[in-house]
Amino acid sequence: MIRSMTGYGKGLLDIEKREYQVEIKSVNHRYLDISIKMPRILSYLEEDIKKQISEKIKRGKIDVFINFQNNSEERKDIKINKELAKIYINQLKELAAEEKISANIEVVDISKMPDVLTIIADENDEKIKCELIQTTQQATDKIVKMKQIEGEKISKDLLERIDKIKNQIEKISEKSTGLIDAYVVKLEKRINEILKTEEIDKARLAQEVVIYADKCSVEEEITRLKSHISQFENLIANNKNEAIGKKLDFIIQEMNRETNTIGSKANDLEIINEVIEIKTELEDIREQIQNIE
């Protein structure tokens, strides 16, 4: 089952007055890039969160937003940043002197300044780690499910387009088989017009036909195209939650290369029109593949 690279998942946990919220958003990206925004008191768990996510998501730009409220009273303390408080006091006194206003500064006022008071919990609490991992897993499972649902839609579209290409290849194969016979008829007619005679050097004619056949034959390209299509279909059908976007993109590049060769070799308008149709489908497939994990 293929998976889209775009998705969203949210995990919530409220236990013993500890509240966790984990949001995960994913968009297209060439590699796996995980960015986490979380409270500083949980920053020591960043690598654990990344590991948890990377076990289930293999490619994409992943943005993780973590909120944590610890309203429990166990193992809490309040730390006063006295040095920072003194800086606030001195700066406020200087401002008061410059503006000639009252410098009546209360301790309560200073305590409301940013980063003066910090609630300290046990940052190495194994319980908090387990609960955050649990919430992250919940969010990850939800985003993976969304990616799978979107992946199923993409898979269906890709296979439909591949079927169209297979039909067009069969048409090219059928038309290419008659190119040699048509060329022989045209060549004989042209020789008759130029030489004003129906006596033709059959050996020379055969030599020209062989040269032409070698130049315009597209059987090898058709065989390789069919092989690439088979690989493409097998990757989609037999995928077990692996990241196959890059592999599919490479196969489409090879299919496009073989199609270009057919277009350059086939001296036939109908075949060239079929080549244009194939290239159009391949371009649409490639755009879809950019959203596959």
Protein backbone atom coordinates (compact mmCIF):
# COMPACT_ATOMS: atom_id res chain seq x y z
CA MET A 1 0.00 0.00 0.00
CA ILE A 2 1.49 3.32 -1.05
CA ARG A 3 1.17 6.39 1.18
CA SER A 4 0.84 10.06 0.47
CA MET A 5 3.43 12.41 1.94
CA THR A 6 0.79 14.90 3.07
CA GLY A 7 -1.24 14.33 6.20
CA TYR A 8 -2.23 15.51 9.67
CA GLY A 9 -2.53 13.76 13.01
CA LYS A 10 -3.33 14.90 16.53
CA GLY A 11 -2.84 13.16 19.84
CA LEU A 12 -4.33 14.17 23.20
CA LEU A 13 -3.74 12.82 26.69
CA ASP A 14 -5.07 14.10 30.01
CA ILE A 15 -3.85 12.10 32.99
CA GLU A 16 -3.32 13.01 36.66
CA LYS A 17 -3.62 16.75 35.84
CA ARG A 18 -0.96 16.46 33.14
CA GLU A 19 -2.20 17.53 29.71
CA TYR A 20 -0.41 16.62 26.48
CA GLN A 21 -1.19 17.68 22.92
CA VAL A 22 0.87 16.54 19.93
CA GLU A 23 0.11 17.75 16.39
CA ILE A 24 1.96 16.36 13.37
CA LYS A 25 1.77 17.89 9.89
CA SER A 26 3.49 16.44 6.84
CA VAL A 27 4.11 17.87 3.35
CA ASN A 28 6.20 16.85 0.35
CA HIS A 29 9.95 16.71 0.76
CA ARG A 30 12.81 14.87 -0.88
CA TYR A 31 14.01 13.33 2.38
CA LEU A 32 12.76 12.90 5.94
CA ASP A 33 13.03 16.22 7.78
CA ILE A 34 11.49 16.39 11.25
CA SER A 35 11.13 19.76 12.99
CA ILE A 36 9.80 19.87 16.57
CA LYS A 37 8.48 22.81 18.57
CA MET A 38 8.05 21.90 22.23
CA PRO A 39 8.35 23.41 25.73
CA ARG A 40 11.89 23.75 27.01
CA ILE A 41 11.22 21.47 29.98
CA LEU A 42 10.60 18.63 27.48
CA SER A 43 13.47 19.41 25.13
CA TYR A 44 15.51 16.48 26.47
CA LEU A 45 12.91 14.19 24.86
CA GLU A 46 13.30 15.59 21.32
CA GLU A 47 15.37 12.68 19.98
CA ASP A 48 12.95 10.16 21.47
CA ILE A 49 10.06 11.88 19.68
CA LYS A 50 11.96 11.93 16.37
CA LYS A 51 12.77 8.25 16.71
CA GLN A 52 9.13 7.42 17.42
CA ILE A 53 7.97 9.29 14.30
CA SER A 54 10.74 8.05 11.96
CA GLU A 55 9.82 4.43 12.72
CA LYS A 56 6.52 4.94 10.89
CA ILE A 57 7.16 7.84 8.49
CA LYS A 58 10.05 7.53 6.04
CA ARG A 59 9.88 10.67 3.90
CA GLY A 60 8.43 14.18 4.03
CA LYS A 61 8.76 17.53 5.79
CA ILE A 62 7.36 16.81 9.24
CA ASP A 63 6.36 19.62 11.60
CA VAL A 64 5.59 18.58 15.18
CA PHE A 65 3.91 20.90 17.70
CA ILE A 66 3.86 19.78 21.34
CA ASN A 67 1.97 21.46 24.18
CA PHE A 68 2.31 20.35 27.77
CA GLN A 69 0.57 21.56 30.92
CA ASN A 70 1.62 20.04 34.22
CA ASN A 71 -0.99 21.00 36.81
CA SER A 72 -0.06 18.28 39.24
CA GLU A 73 1.76 19.26 42.43
CA GLU A 74 4.17 16.39 42.68
CA ARG A 75 7.87 17.20 42.61
CA LYS A 76 7.45 20.88 41.76
CA ASP A 77 9.46 23.88 42.82
CA ILE A 78 9.71 27.54 41.84
CA LYS A 79 13.02 29.01 40.78
CA ILE A 80 13.66 32.77 40.86
CA ASN A 81 16.13 34.12 38.36
CA LYS A 82 17.59 36.78 40.65
CA GLU A 83 20.19 38.03 38.18
CA LEU A 84 17.55 38.65 35.55
CA ALA A 85 15.28 40.32 38.13
CA LYS A 86 18.10 42.71 39.09
CA ILE A 87 18.61 43.64 35.45
CA TYR A 88 14.89 44.44 35.10
CA ILE A 89 15.04 46.59 38.29
CA ASN A 90 18.11 48.52 37.17
CA GLN A 91 16.71 49.16 33.70
CA LEU A 92 13.39 50.33 35.12
CA LYS A 93 15.15 52.67 37.57
CA GLU A 94 17.22 54.16 34.75
CA LEU A 95 14.08 54.68 32.70
CA ALA A 96 12.34 56.34 35.65
CA ALA A 97 15.30 58.70 36.18
CA GLU A 98 15.49 59.63 32.50
CA GLU A 99 11.78 60.31 32.25
CA LYS A 100 11.61 61.86 35.76
CA ILE A 101 8.86 59.60 36.94
CA SER A 102 8.33 57.56 40.11
CA ALA A 103 10.48 54.44 40.48
CA ASN A 104 8.11 52.70 42.84
CA ILE A 105 8.96 49.12 41.84
CA GLU A 106 7.20 46.26 43.65
CA VAL A 107 8.48 42.71 43.86
CA VAL A 108 5.19 41.45 42.45
CA ASP A 109 5.72 43.59 39.36
CA ILE A 110 9.18 42.13 38.79
CA SER A 111 7.90 38.60 39.27
CA LYS A 112 5.59 39.09 36.27
CA MET A 113 8.49 39.88 33.96
CA PRO A 114 9.39 37.16 31.39
CA ASP A 115 11.55 34.29 32.71
CA VAL A 116 11.90 35.70 36.24
CA LEU A 117 9.84 32.92 37.80
CA THR A 118 10.11 29.37 36.50
CA ILE A 119 8.14 26.36 37.66
CA ILE A 120 10.57 23.47 37.92
CA ALA A 121 9.30 19.93 37.61
CA ASP A 122 11.30 16.74 37.54
CA GLU A 123 12.48 16.97 33.93
CA ASN A 124 13.80 13.44 33.98
CA ASP A 125 10.53 11.92 35.09
CA GLU A 126 10.16 8.61 33.24
CA LYS A 127 6.40 8.88 33.64
CA ILE A 128 6.29 12.09 31.59
CA LYS A 129 8.46 10.52 28.91
CA CYS A 130 6.17 7.47 28.59
CA GLU A 131 3.06 9.65 28.46
CA LEU A 132 4.50 11.95 25.80
CA ILE A 133 5.62 8.98 23.70
CA GLN A 134 2.12 7.53 24.02
CA THR A 135 0.56 10.81 22.83
CA THR A 136 3.04 11.04 19.96
CA GLN A 137 2.22 7.48 18.92
CA GLN A 138 -1.47 8.38 18.88
CA ALA A 139 -0.81 11.36 16.60
CA THR A 140 1.53 9.33 14.38
CA ASP A 141 -1.02 6.55 13.92
CA LYS A 142 -3.62 9.11 12.85
CA ILE A 143 -1.38 10.81 10.30
CA VAL A 144 -0.29 7.44 8.89
CA LYS A 145 -3.93 6.43 8.47
CA MET A 146 -4.67 9.67 6.62
CA LYS A 147 -1.60 9.17 4.42
CA GLN A 148 -2.75 5.63 3.58
CA ILE A 149 -6.26 6.76 2.61
CA GLU A 150 -4.81 9.42 0.31
CA GLY A 151 -2.28 6.87 -0.98
CA GLU A 152 -5.07 4.51 -2.04
CA LYS A 153 -6.61 7.26 -4.17
CA ILE A 154 -3.25 8.06 -5.75
CA SER A 155 -2.59 4.36 -6.38
CA LYS A 156 -5.90 3.94 -8.20
CA ASP A 157 -5.20 6.97 -10.39
CA LEU A 158 -1.68 5.79 -11.23
CA LEU A 159 -2.81 2.32 -12.26
CA GLU A 160 -5.55 3.76 -14.46
CA ARG A 161 -2.99 5.95 -16.23
CA ILE A 162 -0.59 3.03 -16.60
CA ASP A 163 -3.39 1.01 -18.26
CA LYS A 164 -3.85 3.82 -20.78
CA ILE A 165 -0.12 3.75 -21.54
CA LYS A 166 -0.22 -0.03 -22.01
CA ASN A 167 -3.00 0.34 -24.57
CA GLN A 168 -1.06 3.04 -26.40
CA ILE A 169 2.06 0.86 -26.46
CA GLU A 170 0.07 -1.96 -28.04
CA LYS A 171 -1.15 0.42 -30.73
CA ILE A 172 2.43 1.53 -31.42
CA SER A 173 3.55 -2.10 -31.61
CA GLU A 174 0.81 -2.95 -34.12
CA LYS A 175 1.52 0.10 -36.28
CA SER A 176 5.28 -0.38 -36.23
CA THR A 177 4.99 -3.89 -37.71
CA GLY A 178 3.52 -2.46 -40.91
CA LEU A 179 6.12 0.25 -41.34
CA ILE A 180 8.57 -1.97 -43.23
CA ASP A 181 5.99 -3.19 -45.76
CA ALA A 182 4.76 0.34 -46.32
CA TYR A 183 8.34 1.53 -46.79
CA VAL A 184 9.04 -1.17 -49.40
CA VAL A 185 5.98 -0.11 -51.39
CA LYS A 186 6.94 3.57 -51.21
CA LEU A 187 10.56 2.83 -52.12
CA GLU A 188 9.64 0.75 -55.17
CA LYS A 189 7.23 3.43 -56.34
CA ARG A 190 9.85 6.13 -55.87
CA ILE A 191 12.46 4.16 -57.80
CA ASN A 192 10.01 3.58 -60.65
CA GLU A 193 9.25 7.30 -60.80
CA ILE A 194 12.92 8.25 -60.89
CA LEU A 195 14.30 5.52 -63.18
CA LYS A 196 11.20 5.21 -65.38
CA THR A 197 11.49 1.43 -65.20
CA GLU A 198 9.96 -1.44 -63.34
CA GLU A 199 13.22 -3.39 -63.25
CA ILE A 200 14.56 -2.98 -59.71
CA ASP A 201 17.73 -4.36 -58.20
CA LYS A 202 16.20 -6.63 -55.56
CA ALA A 203 19.51 -6.98 -53.68
CA ARG A 204 19.93 -3.24 -53.46
CA LEU A 205 16.29 -2.87 -52.42
CA ALA A 206 16.71 -5.47 -49.68
CA GLN A 207 19.80 -3.66 -48.40
CA GLU A 208 17.90 -0.37 -48.16
CA VAL A 209 15.04 -2.10 -46.40
CA VAL A 210 17.41 -3.63 -43.82
CA ILE A 211 18.99 -0.24 -43.13
CA TYR A 212 15.58 1.37 -42.76
CA ALA A 213 14.30 -1.43 -40.53
CA ASP A 214 17.31 -1.05 -38.26
CA LYS A 215 16.74 2.69 -37.95
CA CYS A 216 13.01 2.66 -37.34
CA SER A 217 12.57 -0.54 -35.31
CA VAL A 218 11.14 0.22 -31.86
CA GLU A 219 10.70 -3.33 -30.61
CA GLU A 220 13.55 -3.05 -28.10
CA GLU A 221 12.11 0.17 -26.69
CA ILE A 222 8.64 -1.37 -26.47
CA THR A 223 10.04 -4.41 -24.66
CA ARG A 224 11.82 -2.21 -22.12
CA LEU A 225 8.72 -0.06 -21.67
CA LYS A 226 6.67 -3.15 -20.86
CA SER A 227 9.33 -4.26 -18.39
CA HIS A 228 9.28 -0.86 -16.65
CA ILE A 229 5.48 -0.97 -16.46
CA SER A 230 5.64 -4.41 -14.85
CA GLN A 231 8.12 -3.12 -12.24
CA PHE A 232 5.91 -0.10 -11.60
CA GLU A 233 2.80 -2.22 -11.04
CA ASN A 234 4.65 -4.70 -8.82
CA LEU A 235 5.99 -1.92 -6.59
CA ILE A 236 2.49 -0.60 -6.01
CA ALA A 237 0.84 -4.02 -5.60
CA ASN A 238 3.47 -5.58 -3.32
CA ASN A 239 4.49 -2.57 -1.25
CA LYS A 240 4.44 -3.19 2.50
CA ASN A 241 4.52 0.36 3.89
CA GLU A 242 7.93 1.08 2.38
CA ALA A 243 8.98 4.43 0.92
CA ILE A 244 8.79 3.80 -2.84
CA GLY A 245 8.29 7.33 -4.19
CA LYS A 246 11.90 7.66 -5.38
CA LYS A 247 11.84 4.23 -7.04
CA LEU A 248 8.63 5.04 -8.90
CA ASP A 249 10.06 8.38 -10.01
CA PHE A 250 13.16 6.66 -11.42
CA ILE A 251 11.02 4.14 -13.35
CA ILE A 252 8.97 6.97 -14.87
CA GLN A 253 12.19 8.69 -15.96
CA GLU A 254 13.26 5.50 -17.74
CA MET A 255 9.84 5.12 -19.36
CA ASN A 256 10.03 8.70 -20.58
CA ARG A 257 13.47 8.04 -22.06
CA GLU A 258 12.26 4.97 -24.00
CA THR A 259 9.19 6.89 -25.21
CA ASN A 260 11.39 9.72 -26.52
CA THR A 261 13.50 7.19 -28.41
CA ILE A 262 10.39 5.70 -30.02
CA GLY A 263 9.28 9.17 -31.09
CA SER A 264 12.65 9.95 -32.66
CA LYS A 265 12.93 6.59 -34.49
CA ALA A 266 9.38 6.09 -35.75
CA ASN A 267 8.86 7.85 -39.06
CA ASP A 268 5.09 7.70 -38.75
CA LEU A 269 2.59 10.39 -37.76
CA GLU A 270 0.19 8.00 -36.00
CA ILE A 271 2.98 6.56 -33.85
CA ILE A 272 4.22 10.05 -33.00
CA ASN A 273 0.69 10.98 -31.87
CA GLU A 274 0.61 7.93 -29.61
CA VAL A 275 4.02 8.94 -28.22
CA ILE A 276 2.64 12.38 -27.36
CA GLU A 277 -0.26 10.74 -25.51
CA ILE A 278 2.12 8.52 -23.55
CA LYS A 279 4.34 11.46 -22.60
CA THR A 280 1.28 13.38 -21.40
CA GLU A 281 0.26 10.49 -19.15
CA LEU A 282 3.83 10.07 -17.87
CA GLU A 283 4.00 13.73 -16.90
CA ASP A 284 0.73 13.44 -14.98
CA ILE A 285 2.02 10.30 -13.26
CA ARG A 286 5.25 12.02 -12.31
CA GLU A 287 3.34 14.90 -10.72
CA GLN A 288 1.35 12.41 -8.67
CA ILE A 289 4.48 10.55 -7.63
CA GLN A 290 5.91 13.71 -6.07
CA ASN A 291 3.29 13.25 -3.34
CA ILE A 292 4.18 9.62 -2.59
CA GLU A 293 6.23 8.78 0.49
